[in-house]
PDB file of N, CA and C in Angstrom:
ATOM      1  N   MET A   1     -61.458  -0.498  49.973  1.00  0.00           N
ATOM      2  CA  MET A   1     -61.113  -1.771  50.561  1.00  0.00           C
ATOM      3  C   MET A   1     -59.596  -1.942  50.466  1.00  0.00           C
ATOM      4  N   GLY A   2     -58.970  -2.443  51.517  1.00  0.00           N
ATOM      5  CA  GLY A   2     -57.520  -2.595  51.547  1.00  0.00           C
ATOM      6  C   GLY A   2     -57.047  -3.886  50.899  1.00  0.00           C
ATOM      7  N   GLU A   3     -55.760  -3.923  50.660  1.00  0.00           N
ATOM      8  CA  GLU A   3     -55.143  -5.112  50.069  1.00  0.00           C
ATOM      9  C   GLU A   3     -54.915  -6.159  51.146  1.00  0.00           C
ATOM     10  N   MET A   4     -55.103  -7.424  50.781  1.00  0.00           N
ATOM     11  CA  MET A   4     -54.854  -8.511  51.728  1.00  0.00           C
ATOM     12  C   MET A   4     -53.374  -8.556  52.070  1.00  0.00           C
ATOM     13  N   ARG A   5     -53.067  -8.915  53.286  1.00  0.00           N
ATOM     14  CA  ARG A   5     -51.671  -8.994  53.715  1.00  0.00           C
ATOM     15  C   ARG A   5     -51.258 -10.411  54.081  1.00  0.00           C
ATOM     16  N   GLN A   6     -52.229 -11.273  54.377  1.00  0.00           N
ATOM     17  CA  GLN A   6     -51.940 -12.668  54.709  1.00  0.00           C
ATOM     18  C   GLN A   6     -52.611 -13.555  53.669  1.00  0.00           C
ATOM     19  N   PHE A   7     -51.893 -14.599  53.263  1.00  0.00           N
ATOM     20  CA  PHE A   7     -52.375 -15.444  52.182  1.00  0.00           C
ATOM     21  C   PHE A   7     -52.307 -16.916  52.573  1.00  0.00           C
ATOM     22  N   ARG A   8     -53.296 -17.663  52.156  1.00  0.00           N
ATOM     23  CA  ARG A   8     -53.332 -19.101  52.403  1.00  0.00           C
ATOM     24  C   ARG A   8     -52.737 -19.836  51.207  1.00  0.00           C
ATOM     25  N   PRO A   9     -52.292 -21.082  51.430  1.00  0.00           N
ATOM     26  CA  PRO A   9     -51.794 -21.878  50.303  1.00  0.00           C
ATOM     27  C   PRO A   9     -52.843 -21.957  49.195  1.00  0.00           C
ATOM     28  N   GLY A  10     -52.394 -21.825  47.945  1.00  0.00           N
ATOM     29  CA  GLY A  10     -53.296 -21.872  46.808  1.00  0.00           C
ATOM     30  C   GLY A  10     -53.723 -20.504  46.308  1.00  0.00           C
ATOM     31  N   TYR A  11     -53.697 -19.484  47.178  1.00  0.00           N
ATOM     32  CA  TYR A  11     -54.003 -18.124  46.731  1.00  0.00           C
ATOM     33  C   TYR A  11     -52.937 -17.703  45.733  1.00  0.00           C
ATOM     34  N   LYS A  12     -53.223 -16.698  44.915  1.00  0.00           N
ATOM     35  CA  LYS A  12     -52.274 -16.174  43.932  1.00  0.00           C
ATOM     36  C   LYS A  12     -51.515 -14.987  44.531  1.00  0.00           C
ATOM     37  N   ALA A  13     -50.215 -14.921  44.285  1.00  0.00           N
ATOM     38  CA  ALA A  13     -49.384 -13.813  44.782  1.00  0.00           C
ATOM     39  C   ALA A  13     -49.812 -12.518  44.094  1.00  0.00           C
ATOM     40  N   PRO A  14     -50.052 -11.446  44.872  1.00  0.00           N
ATOM     41  CA  PRO A  14     -50.486 -10.188  44.275  1.00  0.00           C
ATOM     42  C   PRO A  14     -49.346  -9.422  43.600  1.00  0.00           C
ATOM     43  N   ASN A  15     -48.109  -9.680  44.033  1.00  0.00           N
ATOM     44  CA  ASN A  15     -46.938  -8.980  43.508  1.00  0.00           C
ATOM     45  C   ASN A  15     -45.727  -9.894  43.538  1.00  0.00           C
ATOM     46  N   ASP A  16     -44.705  -9.546  42.757  1.00  0.00           N
ATOM     47  CA  ASP A  16     -43.433 -10.262  42.825  1.00  0.00           C
ATOM     48  C   ASP A  16     -42.825 -10.027  44.202  1.00  0.00           C
ATOM     49  N   GLY A  17     -42.105 -11.016  44.725  1.00  0.00           N
ATOM     50  CA  GLY A  17     -41.414 -10.812  45.990  1.00  0.00           C
ATOM     51  C   GLY A  17     -41.145 -12.090  46.736  1.00  0.00           C
ATOM     52  N   ILE A  18     -40.558 -11.921  47.918  1.00  0.00           N
ATOM     53  CA  ILE A  18     -40.264 -13.030  48.814  1.00  0.00           C
ATOM     54  C   ILE A  18     -41.331 -13.026  49.898  1.00  0.00           C
ATOM     55  N   TYR A  19     -41.907 -14.192  50.137  1.00  0.00           N
ATOM     56  CA  TYR A  19     -42.952 -14.345  51.141  1.00  0.00           C
ATOM     57  C   TYR A  19     -42.477 -15.344  52.201  1.00  0.00           C
ATOM     58  N   ILE A  20     -42.854 -15.095  53.464  1.00  0.00           N
ATOM     59  CA  ILE A  20     -42.460 -15.980  54.565  1.00  0.00           C
ATOM     60  C   ILE A  20     -43.704 -16.446  55.327  1.00  0.00           C
ATOM     61  N   GLU A  21     -43.538 -17.554  56.049  1.00  0.00           N
ATOM     62  CA  GLU A  21     -44.620 -18.097  56.874  1.00  0.00           C
ATOM     63  C   GLU A  21     -44.735 -17.313  58.169  1.00  0.00           C
ATOM     64  N   VAL A  22     -45.963 -17.104  58.615  1.00  0.00           N
ATOM     65  CA  VAL A  22     -46.235 -16.537  59.933  1.00  0.00           C
ATOM     66  C   VAL A  22     -47.340 -17.362  60.576  1.00  0.00           C
ATOM     67  N   GLY A  23     -47.492 -17.200  61.886  1.00  0.00           N
ATOM     68  CA  GLY A  23     -48.555 -17.898  62.601  1.00  0.00           C
ATOM     69  C   GLY A  23     -49.920 -17.317  62.272  1.00  0.00           C
ATOM     70  N   GLU A  24     -50.965 -17.940  62.789  1.00  0.00           N
ATOM     71  CA  GLU A  24     -52.348 -17.526  62.510  1.00  0.00           C
ATOM     72  C   GLU A  24     -52.607 -16.054  62.810  1.00  0.00           C
ATOM     73  N   GLN A  25     -52.060 -15.574  63.892  1.00  0.00           N
ATOM     74  CA  GLN A  25     -52.308 -14.194  64.312  1.00  0.00           C
ATOM     75  C   GLN A  25     -51.265 -13.216  63.773  1.00  0.00           C
ATOM     76  N   GLY A  26     -50.416 -13.676  62.853  1.00  0.00           N
ATOM     77  CA  GLY A  26     -49.388 -12.804  62.291  1.00  0.00           C
ATOM     78  C   GLY A  26     -48.090 -12.824  63.071  1.00  0.00           C
ATOM     79  N   ASP A  27     -48.017 -13.686  64.095  1.00  0.00           N
ATOM     80  CA  ASP A  27     -46.785 -13.755  64.887  1.00  0.00           C
ATOM     81  C   ASP A  27     -45.714 -14.555  64.134  1.00  0.00           C
ATOM     82  N   SER A  28     -44.475 -14.295  64.485  1.00  0.00           N
ATOM     83  CA  SER A  28     -43.374 -14.971  63.798  1.00  0.00           C
ATOM     84  C   SER A  28     -43.244 -16.416  64.272  1.00  0.00           C
ATOM     85  N   VAL A  29     -42.619 -17.245  63.453  1.00  0.00           N
ATOM     86  CA  VAL A  29     -42.404 -18.653  63.774  1.00  0.00           C
ATOM     87  C   VAL A  29     -40.915 -18.952  63.666  1.00  0.00           C
ATOM     88  N   MET A  30     -40.460 -19.975  64.343  1.00  0.00           N
ATOM     89  CA  MET A  30     -39.053 -20.357  64.267  1.00  0.00           C
ATOM     90  C   MET A  30     -38.806 -21.073  62.947  1.00  0.00           C
ATOM     91  N   ASN A  31     -37.723 -20.719  62.267  1.00  0.00           N
ATOM     92  CA  ASN A  31     -37.333 -21.317  60.984  1.00  0.00           C
ATOM     93  C   ASN A  31     -38.471 -21.311  59.963  1.00  0.00           C
ATOM     94  N   PRO A  32     -39.009 -20.129  59.638  1.00  0.00           N
ATOM     95  CA  PRO A  32     -40.107 -20.090  58.666  1.00  0.00           C
ATOM     96  C   PRO A  32     -39.633 -20.413  57.253  1.00  0.00           C
ATOM     97  N   LYS A  33     -40.503 -21.018  56.464  1.00  0.00           N
ATOM     98  CA  LYS A  33     -40.215 -21.235  55.046  1.00  0.00           C
ATOM     99  C   LYS A  33     -40.238 -19.884  54.352  1.00  0.00           C
ATOM    100  N   GLN A  34     -39.428 -19.741  53.306  1.00  0.00           N
ATOM    101  CA  GLN A  34     -39.440 -18.548  52.478  1.00  0.00           C
ATOM    102  C   GLN A  34     -39.551 -18.987  51.024  1.00  0.00           C
ATOM    103  N   VAL A  35     -40.329 -18.252  50.242  1.00  0.00           N
ATOM    104  CA  VAL A  35     -40.464 -18.554  48.812  1.00  0.00           C
ATOM    105  C   VAL A  35     -40.399 -17.255  48.019  1.00  0.00           C
ATOM    106  N   ARG A  36     -39.822 -17.325  46.832  1.00  0.00           N
ATOM    107  CA  ARG A  36     -39.834 -16.188  45.911  1.00  0.00           C
ATOM    108  C   ARG A  36     -40.901 -16.489  44.863  1.00  0.00           C
ATOM    109  N   LEU A  37     -41.872 -15.587  44.754  1.00  0.00           N
ATOM    110  CA  LEU A  37     -42.978 -15.773  43.823  1.00  0.00           C
ATOM    111  C   LEU A  37     -43.094 -14.584  42.875  1.00  0.00           C
ATOM    112  N   ALA A  38     -43.559 -14.857  41.679  1.00  0.00           N
ATOM    113  CA  ALA A  38     -43.888 -13.807  40.722  1.00  0.00           C
ATOM    114  C   ALA A  38     -45.388 -13.537  40.840  1.00  0.00           C
ATOM    115  N   LYS A  39     -45.808 -12.363  40.415  1.00  0.00           N
ATOM    116  CA  LYS A  39     -47.221 -12.005  40.459  1.00  0.00           C
ATOM    117  C   LYS A  39     -48.044 -13.088  39.756  1.00  0.00           C
ATOM    118  N   GLY A  40     -49.070 -13.596  40.442  1.00  0.00           N
ATOM    119  CA  GLY A  40     -49.946 -14.620  39.876  1.00  0.00           C
ATOM    120  C   GLY A  40     -49.560 -16.048  40.212  1.00  0.00           C
ATOM    121  N   ASP A  41     -48.348 -16.270  40.758  1.00  0.00           N
ATOM    122  CA  ASP A  41     -47.942 -17.618  41.158  1.00  0.00           C
ATOM    123  C   ASP A  41     -48.759 -18.062  42.377  1.00  0.00           C
ATOM    124  N   PRO A  42     -49.128 -19.336  42.462  1.00  0.00           N
ATOM    125  CA  PRO A  42     -49.868 -19.806  43.637  1.00  0.00           C
ATOM    126  C   PRO A  42     -48.928 -20.004  44.831  1.00  0.00           C
ATOM    127  N   PHE A  43     -49.446 -19.726  46.016  1.00  0.00           N
ATOM    128  CA  PHE A  43     -48.672 -19.958  47.240  1.00  0.00           C
ATOM    129  C   PHE A  43     -48.603 -21.456  47.511  1.00  0.00           C
ATOM    130  N   PRO A  44     -47.427 -21.967  47.911  1.00  0.00           N
ATOM    131  CA  PRO A  44     -47.300 -23.395  48.223  1.00  0.00           C
ATOM    132  C   PRO A  44     -47.887 -23.708  49.604  1.00  0.00           C
ATOM    133  N   GLU A  45     -47.922 -24.977  49.924  1.00  0.00           N
ATOM    134  CA  GLU A  45     -48.371 -25.408  51.250  1.00  0.00           C
ATOM    135  C   GLU A  45     -47.414 -24.874  52.318  1.00  0.00           C
ATOM    136  N   THR A  46     -47.947 -24.617  53.503  1.00  0.00           N
ATOM    137  CA  THR A  46     -47.124 -24.190  54.629  1.00  0.00           C
ATOM    138  C   THR A  46     -46.693 -25.413  55.435  1.00  0.00           C
ATOM    139  N   SER A  47     -45.766 -25.215  56.376  1.00  0.00           N
ATOM    140  CA  SER A  47     -45.279 -26.314  57.215  1.00  0.00           C
ATOM    141  C   SER A  47     -46.348 -26.799  58.192  1.00  0.00           C
ATOM    142  N   ASN A  48     -47.307 -25.936  58.499  1.00  0.00           N
ATOM    143  CA  ASN A  48     -48.320 -26.217  59.491  1.00  0.00           C
ATOM    144  C   ASN A  48     -49.632 -25.617  58.979  1.00  0.00           C
ATOM    145  N   HIS A  49     -50.734 -26.317  59.122  1.00  0.00           N
ATOM    146  CA  HIS A  49     -52.009 -25.839  58.578  1.00  0.00           C
ATOM    147  C   HIS A  49     -52.496 -24.538  59.206  1.00  0.00           C
ATOM    148  N   ASN A  50     -51.934 -24.140  60.349  1.00  0.00           N
ATOM    149  CA  ASN A  50     -52.324 -22.894  61.014  1.00  0.00           C
ATOM    150  C   ASN A  50     -51.527 -21.690  60.535  1.00  0.00           C
ATOM    151  N   ARG A  51     -50.616 -21.880  59.598  1.00  0.00           N
ATOM    152  CA  ARG A  51     -49.767 -20.784  59.144  1.00  0.00           C
ATOM    153  C   ARG A  51     -50.278 -20.166  57.854  1.00  0.00           C
ATOM    154  N   LYS A  52     -49.827 -18.937  57.612  1.00  0.00           N
ATOM    155  CA  LYS A  52     -50.169 -18.202  56.394  1.00  0.00           C
ATOM    156  C   LYS A  52     -48.891 -17.593  55.835  1.00  0.00           C
ATOM    157  N   TRP A  53     -49.002 -17.019  54.640  1.00  0.00           N
ATOM    158  CA  TRP A  53     -47.877 -16.363  53.980  1.00  0.00           C
ATOM    159  C   TRP A  53     -48.050 -14.846  54.051  1.00  0.00           C
ATOM    160  N   VAL A  54     -46.939 -14.129  54.283  1.00  0.00           N
ATOM    161  CA  VAL A  54     -46.935 -12.662  54.213  1.00  0.00           C
ATOM    162  C   VAL A  54     -45.695 -12.229  53.444  1.00  0.00           C
ATOM    163  N   LYS A  55     -45.773 -11.050  52.835  1.00  0.00           N
ATOM    164  CA  LYS A  55     -44.635 -10.531  52.102  1.00  0.00           C
ATOM    165  C   LYS A  55     -43.554 -10.137  53.105  1.00  0.00           C
ATOM    166  N   LYS A  56     -42.324 -10.538  52.824  1.00  0.00           N
ATOM    167  CA  LYS A  56     -41.210 -10.238  53.707  1.00  0.00           C
ATOM    168  C   LYS A  56     -40.977  -8.735  53.715  1.00  0.00           C
ATOM    169  N   SER A  57     -40.857  -8.159  54.896  1.00  0.00           N
ATOM    170  CA  SER A  57     -40.665  -6.717  55.002  1.00  0.00           C
ATOM    171  C   SER A  57     -39.238  -6.340  54.586  1.00  0.00           C
ATOM    172  N   GLY A  58     -39.069  -5.092  54.186  1.00  0.00           N
ATOM    173  CA  GLY A  58     -37.773  -4.614  53.775  1.00  0.00           C
ATOM    174  C   GLY A  58     -37.452  -4.874  52.311  1.00  0.00           C
ATOM    175  N   GLN A  59     -38.464  -5.202  51.508  1.00  0.00           N
ATOM    176  CA  GLN A  59     -38.237  -5.438  50.080  1.00  0.00           C
ATOM    177  C   GLN A  59     -38.518  -4.201  49.292  1.00  0.00           C
TER     178      GLN A  59
END
């Protein structure tokens, strides 16, 4: 089974890193929120209920 790549608010971060908001289908959004989380930290609320969190690429 693969690792989850999209996370909803309240889920726990699987790894340390910077996470950004994306749309429901994984598409990018204008001016996305970014958060730095440590492993086990809960994801905060998104700007829009249809958005999810993904790990920022290039880390």
